[in-house]
Amino acid sequence: MLELCGNQLKLPHSRSLKSGLFELRERKFGFRIYYTFLKNRIILLMHAGDKNTQNRDIEIARDRLDKLIRRKEYEDKEVSTVS
């Protein structure tokens, strides 16, 4: 479903957690997958868990996304100084 709908997928299947992080919900067992989009086309899975560990899982996913953003900014800066 995520592959077909992309960033247009909404509740009850997915919701935005702000700052580019999204939560994909599996309703029967309570599984959650935290993801982001790269270049609005590539879906990058950041972390997964279940409803019982949701707060910690979101924290881990946010931390990984922050590291990814910082790395991208650093790489872009390195490319622009070399050119």
PDB file of N, CA and C in Angstrom:
ATOM      1  N   MET A   1       0.817  -1.187   0.000  1.00  0.00           N
ATOM      2  CA  MET A   1       0.000   0.000   0.000  1.00  0.00           C
ATOM      3  C   MET A   1       0.873   1.267   0.000  1.00  0.00           C
ATOM      4  N   LEU A   2       1.928   1.248   0.804  1.00  0.00           N
ATOM      5  CA  LEU A   2       2.834   2.397   0.857  1.00  0.00           C
ATOM      6  C   LEU A   2       3.500   2.626  -0.493  1.00  0.00           C
ATOM      7  N   GLU A   3       3.873   1.529  -1.151  1.00  0.00           N
ATOM      8  CA  GLU A   3       4.507   1.650  -2.460  1.00  0.00           C
ATOM      9  C   GLU A   3       3.561   2.308  -3.473  1.00  0.00           C
ATOM     10  N   LEU A   4       2.286   1.970  -3.415  1.00  0.00           N
ATOM     11  CA  LEU A   4       1.317   2.521  -4.357  1.00  0.00           C
ATOM     12  C   LEU A   4       0.938   3.961  -4.051  1.00  0.00           C
ATOM     13  N   CYS A   5       0.747   4.275  -2.768  1.00  0.00           N
ATOM     14  CA  CYS A   5       0.245   5.596  -2.372  1.00  0.00           C
ATOM     15  C   CYS A   5       1.342   6.593  -2.031  1.00  0.00           C
ATOM     16  N   GLY A   6       2.525   6.085  -1.687  1.00  0.00           N
ATOM     17  CA  GLY A   6       3.635   6.980  -1.344  1.00  0.00           C
ATOM     18  C   GLY A   6       3.287   7.926  -0.212  1.00  0.00           C
ATOM     19  N   ASN A   7       3.674   9.179  -0.339  1.00  0.00           N
ATOM     20  CA  ASN A   7       3.448  10.144   0.743  1.00  0.00           C
ATOM     21  C   ASN A   7       2.008  10.637   0.821  1.00  0.00           C
ATOM     22  N   GLN A   8       1.113  10.061   0.020  1.00  0.00           N
ATOM     23  CA  GLN A   8      -0.305  10.390   0.110  1.00  0.00           C
ATOM     24  C   GLN A   8      -1.067   9.429   1.027  1.00  0.00           C
ATOM     25  N   LEU A   9      -0.406   8.391   1.523  1.00  0.00           N
ATOM     26  CA  LEU A   9      -1.044   7.424   2.411  1.00  0.00           C
ATOM     27  C   LEU A   9      -1.332   8.081   3.755  1.00  0.00           C
ATOM     28  N   LYS A  10      -2.541   7.964   4.221  1.00  0.00           N
ATOM     29  CA  LYS A  10      -2.983   8.639   5.458  1.00  0.00           C
ATOM     30  C   LYS A  10      -3.541   7.626   6.457  1.00  0.00           C
ATOM     31  N   LEU A  11      -4.069   8.145   7.574  1.00  0.00           N
ATOM     32  CA  LEU A  11      -4.710   7.311   8.587  1.00  0.00           C
ATOM     33  C   LEU A  11      -5.871   6.543   7.971  1.00  0.00           C
ATOM     34  N   PRO A  12      -6.105   5.329   8.365  1.00  0.00           N
ATOM     35  CA  PRO A  12      -5.555   4.627   9.524  1.00  0.00           C
ATOM     36  C   PRO A  12      -4.270   3.862   9.246  1.00  0.00           C
ATOM     37  N   HIS A  13      -3.749   3.938   8.028  1.00  0.00           N
ATOM     38  CA  HIS A  13      -2.578   3.150   7.657  1.00  0.00           C
ATOM     39  C   HIS A  13      -1.257   3.835   7.989  1.00  0.00           C
ATOM     40  N   SER A  14      -1.209   5.134   7.860  1.00  0.00           N
ATOM     41  CA  SER A  14       0.027   5.871   8.061  1.00  0.00           C
ATOM     42  C   SER A  14      -0.281   7.247   8.629  1.00  0.00           C
ATOM     43  N   ARG A  15       0.703   7.789   9.353  1.00  0.00           N
ATOM     44  CA  ARG A  15       0.549   9.168   9.833  1.00  0.00           C
ATOM     45  C   ARG A  15       1.911   9.828   9.891  1.00  0.00           C
ATOM     46  N   SER A  16       1.895  11.123   9.733  1.00  0.00           N
ATOM     47  CA  SER A  16       3.112  11.908   9.817  1.00  0.00           C
ATOM     48  C   SER A  16       3.459  12.149  11.281  1.00  0.00           C
ATOM     49  N   LEU A  17       4.737  11.995  11.595  1.00  0.00           N
ATOM     50  CA  LEU A  17       5.238  12.305  12.932  1.00  0.00           C
ATOM     51  C   LEU A  17       6.020  13.612  12.918  1.00  0.00           C
ATOM     52  N   LYS A  18       5.871  14.364  11.829  1.00  0.00           N
ATOM     53  CA  LYS A  18       6.521  15.671  11.614  1.00  0.00           C
ATOM     54  C   LYS A  18       8.004  15.506  11.282  1.00  0.00           C
ATOM     55  N   SER A  19       8.564  16.541  10.727  1.00  0.00           N
ATOM     56  CA  SER A  19       9.986  16.620  10.361  1.00  0.00           C
ATOM     57  C   SER A  19      10.433  15.491   9.439  1.00  0.00           C
ATOM     58  N   GLY A  20       9.531  15.036   8.564  1.00  0.00           N
ATOM     59  CA  GLY A  20       9.907  14.046   7.567  1.00  0.00           C
ATOM     60  C   GLY A  20       9.830  12.600   8.012  1.00  0.00           C
ATOM     61  N   LEU A  21       9.385  12.341   9.227  1.00  0.00           N
ATOM     62  CA  LEU A  21       9.266  10.980   9.731  1.00  0.00           C
ATOM     63  C   LEU A  21       7.795  10.556   9.699  1.00  0.00           C
ATOM     64  N   PHE A  22       7.558   9.326   9.243  1.00  0.00           N
ATOM     65  CA  PHE A  22       6.209   8.796   9.137  1.00  0.00           C
ATOM     66  C   PHE A  22       6.121   7.451   9.851  1.00  0.00           C
ATOM     67  N   GLU A  23       4.901   7.098  10.240  1.00  0.00           N
ATOM     68  CA  GLU A  23       4.646   5.824  10.919  1.00  0.00           C
ATOM     69  C   GLU A  23       3.669   5.017  10.075  1.00  0.00           C
ATOM     70  N   LEU A  24       4.082   3.816   9.692  1.00  0.00           N
ATOM     71  CA  LEU A  24       3.207   2.882   8.988  1.00  0.00           C
ATOM     72  C   LEU A  24       2.657   1.922  10.035  1.00  0.00           C
ATOM     73  N   ARG A  25       1.334   1.766  10.060  1.00  0.00           N
ATOM     74  CA  ARG A  25       0.680   0.983  11.112  1.00  0.00           C
ATOM     75  C   ARG A  25       0.120  -0.328  10.574  1.00  0.00           C
ATOM     76  N   GLU A  26       0.436  -1.385  11.289  1.00  0.00           N
ATOM     77  CA  GLU A  26      -0.196  -2.676  11.059  1.00  0.00           C
ATOM     78  C   GLU A  26      -1.163  -2.849  12.218  1.00  0.00           C
ATOM     79  N   ARG A  27      -2.420  -3.019  11.943  1.00  0.00           N
ATOM     80  CA  ARG A  27      -3.426  -2.913  12.999  1.00  0.00           C
ATOM     81  C   ARG A  27      -3.697  -4.194  13.765  1.00  0.00           C
ATOM     82  N   LYS A  28      -3.532  -5.343  13.167  1.00  0.00           N
ATOM     83  CA  LYS A  28      -3.880  -6.594  13.838  1.00  0.00           C
ATOM     84  C   LYS A  28      -2.968  -6.894  15.025  1.00  0.00           C
ATOM     85  N   PHE A  29      -1.656  -6.778  14.841  1.00  0.00           N
ATOM     86  CA  PHE A  29      -0.691  -7.105  15.890  1.00  0.00           C
ATOM     87  C   PHE A  29      -0.037  -5.874  16.515  1.00  0.00           C
ATOM     88  N   GLY A  30      -0.310  -4.694  15.975  1.00  0.00           N
ATOM     89  CA  GLY A  30       0.235  -3.468  16.538  1.00  0.00           C
ATOM     90  C   GLY A  30       1.655  -3.138  16.102  1.00  0.00           C
ATOM     91  N   PHE A  31       2.127  -3.758  15.022  1.00  0.00           N
ATOM     92  CA  PHE A  31       3.469  -3.451  14.528  1.00  0.00           C
ATOM     93  C   PHE A  31       3.501  -2.048  13.931  1.00  0.00           C
ATOM     94  N   ARG A  32       4.647  -1.406  14.054  1.00  0.00           N
ATOM     95  CA  ARG A  32       4.855  -0.068  13.502  1.00  0.00           C
ATOM     96  C   ARG A  32       6.181  -0.050  12.731  1.00  0.00           C
ATOM     97  N   ILE A  33       6.176   0.613  11.588  1.00  0.00           N
ATOM     98  CA  ILE A  33       7.401   0.833  10.815  1.00  0.00           C
ATOM     99  C   ILE A  33       7.551   2.335  10.645  1.00  0.00           C
ATOM    100  N   TYR A  34       8.723   2.841  10.987  1.00  0.00           N
ATOM    101  CA  TYR A  34       8.994   4.275  10.896  1.00  0.00           C
ATOM    102  C   TYR A  34       9.865   4.499   9.670  1.00  0.00           C
ATOM    103  N   TYR A  35       9.468   5.451   8.846  1.00  0.00           N
ATOM    104  CA  TYR A  35      10.125   5.635   7.554  1.00  0.00           C
ATOM    105  C   TYR A  35      10.173   7.101   7.161  1.00  0.00           C
ATOM    106  N   THR A  36      10.980   7.363   6.138  1.00  0.00           N
ATOM    107  CA  THR A  36      11.075   8.691   5.544  1.00  0.00           C
ATOM    108  C   THR A  36      11.167   8.518   4.033  1.00  0.00           C
ATOM    109  N   PHE A  37      11.096   9.603   3.317  1.00  0.00           N
ATOM    110  CA  PHE A  37      11.229   9.589   1.868  1.00  0.00           C
ATOM    111  C   PHE A  37      12.508  10.304   1.469  1.00  0.00           C
ATOM    112  N   LEU A  38      13.216   9.734   0.523  1.00  0.00           N
ATOM    113  CA  LEU A  38      14.372  10.394  -0.072  1.00  0.00           C
ATOM    114  C   LEU A  38      13.977  10.816  -1.474  1.00  0.00           C
ATOM    115  N   LYS A  39      14.160  12.077  -1.767  1.00  0.00           N
ATOM    116  CA  LYS A  39      13.821  12.638  -3.087  1.00  0.00           C
ATOM    117  C   LYS A  39      12.369  12.335  -3.469  1.00  0.00           C
ATOM    118  N   ASN A  40      11.489  12.259  -2.481  1.00  0.00           N
ATOM    119  CA  ASN A  40      10.051  12.028  -2.659  1.00  0.00           C
ATOM    120  C   ASN A  40       9.721  10.737  -3.398  1.00  0.00           C
ATOM    121  N   ARG A  41      10.696   9.834  -3.578  1.00  0.00           N
ATOM    122  CA  ARG A  41      10.429   8.599  -4.313  1.00  0.00           C
ATOM    123  C   ARG A  41      10.935   7.359  -3.601  1.00  0.00           C
ATOM    124  N   ILE A  42      12.016   7.474  -2.884  1.00  0.00           N
ATOM    125  CA  ILE A  42      12.616   6.318  -2.224  1.00  0.00           C
ATOM    126  C   ILE A  42      12.127   6.274  -0.783  1.00  0.00           C
ATOM    127  N   ILE A  43      11.624   5.125  -0.383  1.00  0.00           N
ATOM    128  CA  ILE A  43      11.150   4.941   0.983  1.00  0.00           C
ATOM    129  C   ILE A  43      12.291   4.315   1.781  1.00  0.00           C
ATOM    130  N   LEU A  44      12.720   4.998   2.822  1.00  0.00           N
ATOM    131  CA  LEU A  44      13.824   4.521   3.656  1.00  0.00           C
ATOM    132  C   LEU A  44      13.276   4.158   5.031  1.00  0.00           C
ATOM    133  N   LEU A  45      13.384   2.878   5.391  1.00  0.00           N
ATOM    134  CA  LEU A  45      12.899   2.416   6.686  1.00  0.00           C
ATOM    135  C   LEU A  45      13.908   2.786   7.758  1.00  0.00           C
ATOM    136  N   MET A  46      13.455   3.478   8.790  1.00  0.00           N
ATOM    137  CA  MET A  46      14.345   3.984   9.828  1.00  0.00           C
ATOM    138  C   MET A  46      14.379   3.077  11.060  1.00  0.00           C
ATOM    139  N   HIS A  47      13.247   2.440  11.376  1.00  0.00           N
ATOM    140  CA  HIS A  47      13.161   1.576  12.554  1.00  0.00           C
ATOM    141  C   HIS A  47      11.799   0.903  12.547  1.00  0.00           C
ATOM    142  N   ALA A  48      11.641  -0.119  13.374  1.00  0.00           N
ATOM    143  CA  ALA A  48      10.356  -0.805  13.501  1.00  0.00           C
ATOM    144  C   ALA A  48      10.192  -1.307  14.927  1.00  0.00           C
ATOM    145  N   GLY A  49       8.963  -1.553  15.288  1.00  0.00           N
ATOM    146  CA  GLY A  49       8.672  -2.065  16.619  1.00  0.00           C
ATOM    147  C   GLY A  49       7.191  -2.371  16.728  1.00  0.00           C
ATOM    148  N   ASP A  50       6.703  -2.362  17.954  1.00  0.00           N
ATOM    149  CA  ASP A  50       5.273  -2.587  18.142  1.00  0.00           C
ATOM    150  C   ASP A  50       4.715  -1.516  19.067  1.00  0.00           C
ATOM    151  N   LYS A  51       3.438  -1.610  19.310  1.00  0.00           N
ATOM    152  CA  LYS A  51       2.753  -0.583  20.093  1.00  0.00           C
ATOM    153  C   LYS A  51       3.349  -0.445  21.496  1.00  0.00           C
ATOM    154  N   ASN A  52       3.832  -1.549  22.059  1.00  0.00           N
ATOM    155  CA  ASN A  52       4.382  -1.522  23.418  1.00  0.00           C
ATOM    156  C   ASN A  52       5.676  -0.729  23.533  1.00  0.00           C
ATOM    157  N   THR A  53       6.441  -0.642  22.458  1.00  0.00           N
ATOM    158  CA  THR A  53       7.729   0.062  22.485  1.00  0.00           C
ATOM    159  C   THR A  53       7.699   1.326  21.628  1.00  0.00           C
ATOM    160  N   GLN A  54       6.511   1.802  21.336  1.00  0.00           N
ATOM    161  CA  GLN A  54       6.310   2.884  20.374  1.00  0.00           C
ATOM    162  C   GLN A  54       7.113   4.142  20.690  1.00  0.00           C
ATOM    163  N   ASN A  55       7.084   4.626  21.912  1.00  0.00           N
ATOM    164  CA  ASN A  55       7.788   5.869  22.246  1.00  0.00           C
ATOM    165  C   ASN A  55       9.289   5.738  22.035  1.00  0.00           C
ATOM    166  N   ARG A  56       9.866   4.650  22.489  1.00  0.00           N
ATOM    167  CA  ARG A  56      11.310   4.421  22.309  1.00  0.00           C
ATOM    168  C   ARG A  56      11.646   4.240  20.829  1.00  0.00           C
ATOM    169  N   ASP A  57      10.806   3.525  20.101  1.00  0.00           N
ATOM    170  CA  ASP A  57      11.044   3.297  18.672  1.00  0.00           C
ATOM    171  C   ASP A  57      11.018   4.604  17.883  1.00  0.00           C
ATOM    172  N   ILE A  58      10.107   5.488  18.220  1.00  0.00           N
ATOM    173  CA  ILE A  58      10.042   6.792  17.554  1.00  0.00           C
ATOM    174  C   ILE A  58      11.303   7.597  17.848  1.00  0.00           C
ATOM    175  N   GLU A  59      11.772   7.534  19.078  1.00  0.00           N
ATOM    176  CA  GLU A  59      13.001   8.234  19.457  1.00  0.00           C
ATOM    177  C   GLU A  59      14.190   7.717  18.643  1.00  0.00           C
ATOM    178  N   ILE A  60      14.299   6.411  18.490  1.00  0.00           N
ATOM    179  CA  ILE A  60      15.382   5.811  17.696  1.00  0.00           C
ATOM    180  C   ILE A  60      15.272   6.237  16.238  1.00  0.00           C
ATOM    181  N   ALA A  61      14.068   6.189  15.689  1.00  0.00           N
ATOM    182  CA  ALA A  61      13.868   6.578  14.288  1.00  0.00           C
ATOM    183  C   ALA A  61      14.217   8.050  14.068  1.00  0.00           C
ATOM    184  N   ARG A  62      13.805   8.928  14.994  1.00  0.00           N
ATOM    185  CA  ARG A  62      14.136  10.357  14.882  1.00  0.00           C
ATOM    186  C   ARG A  62      15.646  10.581  14.934  1.00  0.00           C
ATOM    187  N   ASP A  63      16.318   9.866  15.830  1.00  0.00           N
ATOM    188  CA  ASP A  63      17.764   9.990  15.943  1.00  0.00           C
ATOM    189  C   ASP A  63      18.447   9.563  14.641  1.00  0.00           C
ATOM    190  N   ARG A  64      18.001   8.467  14.066  1.00  0.00           N
ATOM    191  CA  ARG A  64      18.579   8.005  12.798  1.00  0.00           C
ATOM    192  C   ARG A  64      18.304   8.984  11.673  1.00  0.00           C
ATOM    193  N   LEU A  65      17.115   9.551  11.646  1.00  0.00           N
ATOM    194  CA  LEU A  65      16.785  10.539  10.612  1.00  0.00           C
ATOM    195  C   LEU A  65      17.635  11.794  10.787  1.00  0.00           C
ATOM    196  N   ASP A  66      17.812  12.249  12.011  1.00  0.00           N
ATOM    197  CA  ASP A  66      18.660  13.416  12.270  1.00  0.00           C
ATOM    198  C   ASP A  66      20.091  13.173  11.800  1.00  0.00           C
ATOM    199  N   LYS A  67      20.619  11.982  12.073  1.00  0.00           N
ATOM    200  CA  LYS A  67      21.977  11.643  11.621  1.00  0.00           C
ATOM    201  C   LYS A  67      22.058  11.625  10.103  1.00  0.00           C
ATOM    202  N   LEU A  68      21.028  11.096   9.468  1.00  0.00           N
ATOM    203  CA  LEU A  68      20.992  11.062   8.001  1.00  0.00           C
ATOM    204  C   LEU A  68      20.988  12.477   7.424  1.00  0.00           C
ATOM    205  N   ILE A  69      20.186  13.350   8.014  1.00  0.00           N
ATOM    206  CA  ILE A  69      20.111  14.742   7.543  1.00  0.00           C
ATOM    207  C   ILE A  69      21.440  15.447   7.741  1.00  0.00           C
ATOM    208  N   ARG A  70      22.055  15.273   8.902  1.00  0.00           N
ATOM    209  CA  ARG A  70      23.364  15.905   9.153  1.00  0.00           C
ATOM    210  C   ARG A  70      24.419  15.383   8.186  1.00  0.00           C
ATOM    211  N   ARG A  71      24.399  14.100   7.911  1.00  0.00           N
ATOM    212  CA  ARG A  71      25.369  13.517   6.978  1.00  0.00           C
ATOM    213  C   ARG A  71      25.159  14.083   5.581  1.00  0.00           C
ATOM    214  N   LYS A  72      23.896  14.182   5.168  1.00  0.00           N
ATOM    215  CA  LYS A  72      23.588  14.728   3.842  1.00  0.00           C
ATOM    216  C   LYS A  72      24.050  16.174   3.732  1.00  0.00           C
ATOM    217  N   GLU A  73      23.806  16.975   4.774  1.00  0.00           N
ATOM    218  CA  GLU A  73      24.250  18.369   4.762  1.00  0.00           C
ATOM    219  C   GLU A  73      25.768  18.447   4.686  1.00  0.00           C
ATOM    220  N   TYR A  74      26.462  17.562   5.397  1.00  0.00           N
ATOM    221  CA  TYR A  74      27.926  17.544   5.369  1.00  0.00           C
ATOM    222  C   TYR A  74      28.422  17.159   3.971  1.00  0.00           C
ATOM    223  N   GLU A  75      27.816  16.122   3.387  1.00  0.00           N
ATOM    224  CA  GLU A  75      28.241  15.691   2.056  1.00  0.00           C
ATOM    225  C   GLU A  75      27.978  16.778   1.017  1.00  0.00           C
ATOM    226  N   ASP A  76      26.852  17.467   1.113  1.00  0.00           N
ATOM    227  CA  ASP A  76      26.558  18.551   0.188  1.00  0.00           C
ATOM    228  C   ASP A  76      27.578  19.682   0.342  1.00  0.00           C
ATOM    229  N   LYS A  77      27.970  19.974   1.561  1.00  0.00           N
ATOM    230  CA  LYS A  77      28.951  21.020   1.830  1.00  0.00           C
ATOM    231  C   LYS A  77      30.310  20.620   1.244  1.00  0.00           C
ATOM    232  N   GLU A  78      30.703  19.380   1.421  1.00  0.00           N
ATOM    233  CA  GLU A  78      31.969  18.886   0.888  1.00  0.00           C
ATOM    234  C   GLU A  78      31.983  18.975  -0.645  1.00  0.00           C
ATOM    235  N   VAL A  79      30.894  18.627  -1.283  1.00  0.00           N
ATOM    236  CA  VAL A  79      30.810  18.672  -2.743  1.00  0.00           C
ATOM    237  C   VAL A  79      30.925  20.109  -3.234  1.00  0.00           C
ATOM    238  N   SER A  80      30.272  21.040  -2.557  1.00  0.00           N
ATOM    239  CA  SER A  80      30.284  22.430  -3.017  1.00  0.00           C
ATOM    240  C   SER A  80      31.649  23.075  -2.816  1.00  0.00           C
ATOM    241  N   THR A  81      32.427  22.646  -1.829  1.00  0.00           N
ATOM    242  CA  THR A  81      33.744  23.245  -1.636  1.00  0.00           C
ATOM    243  C   THR A  81      34.765  22.657  -2.608  1.00  0.00           C
ATOM    244  N   VAL A  82      34.510  21.446  -3.091  1.00  0.00           N
ATOM    245  CA  VAL A  82      35.428  20.808  -4.046  1.00  0.00           C
ATOM    246  C   VAL A  82      35.226  21.364  -5.442  1.00  0.00           C
ATOM    247  N   SER A  83      34.017  21.689  -5.785  1.00  0.00           N
ATOM    248  CA  SER A  83      33.690  22.141  -7.155  1.00  0.00           C
ATOM    249  C   SER A  83      34.319  23.450  -7.504  1.00  0.00           C
TER     250      SER A  83
END
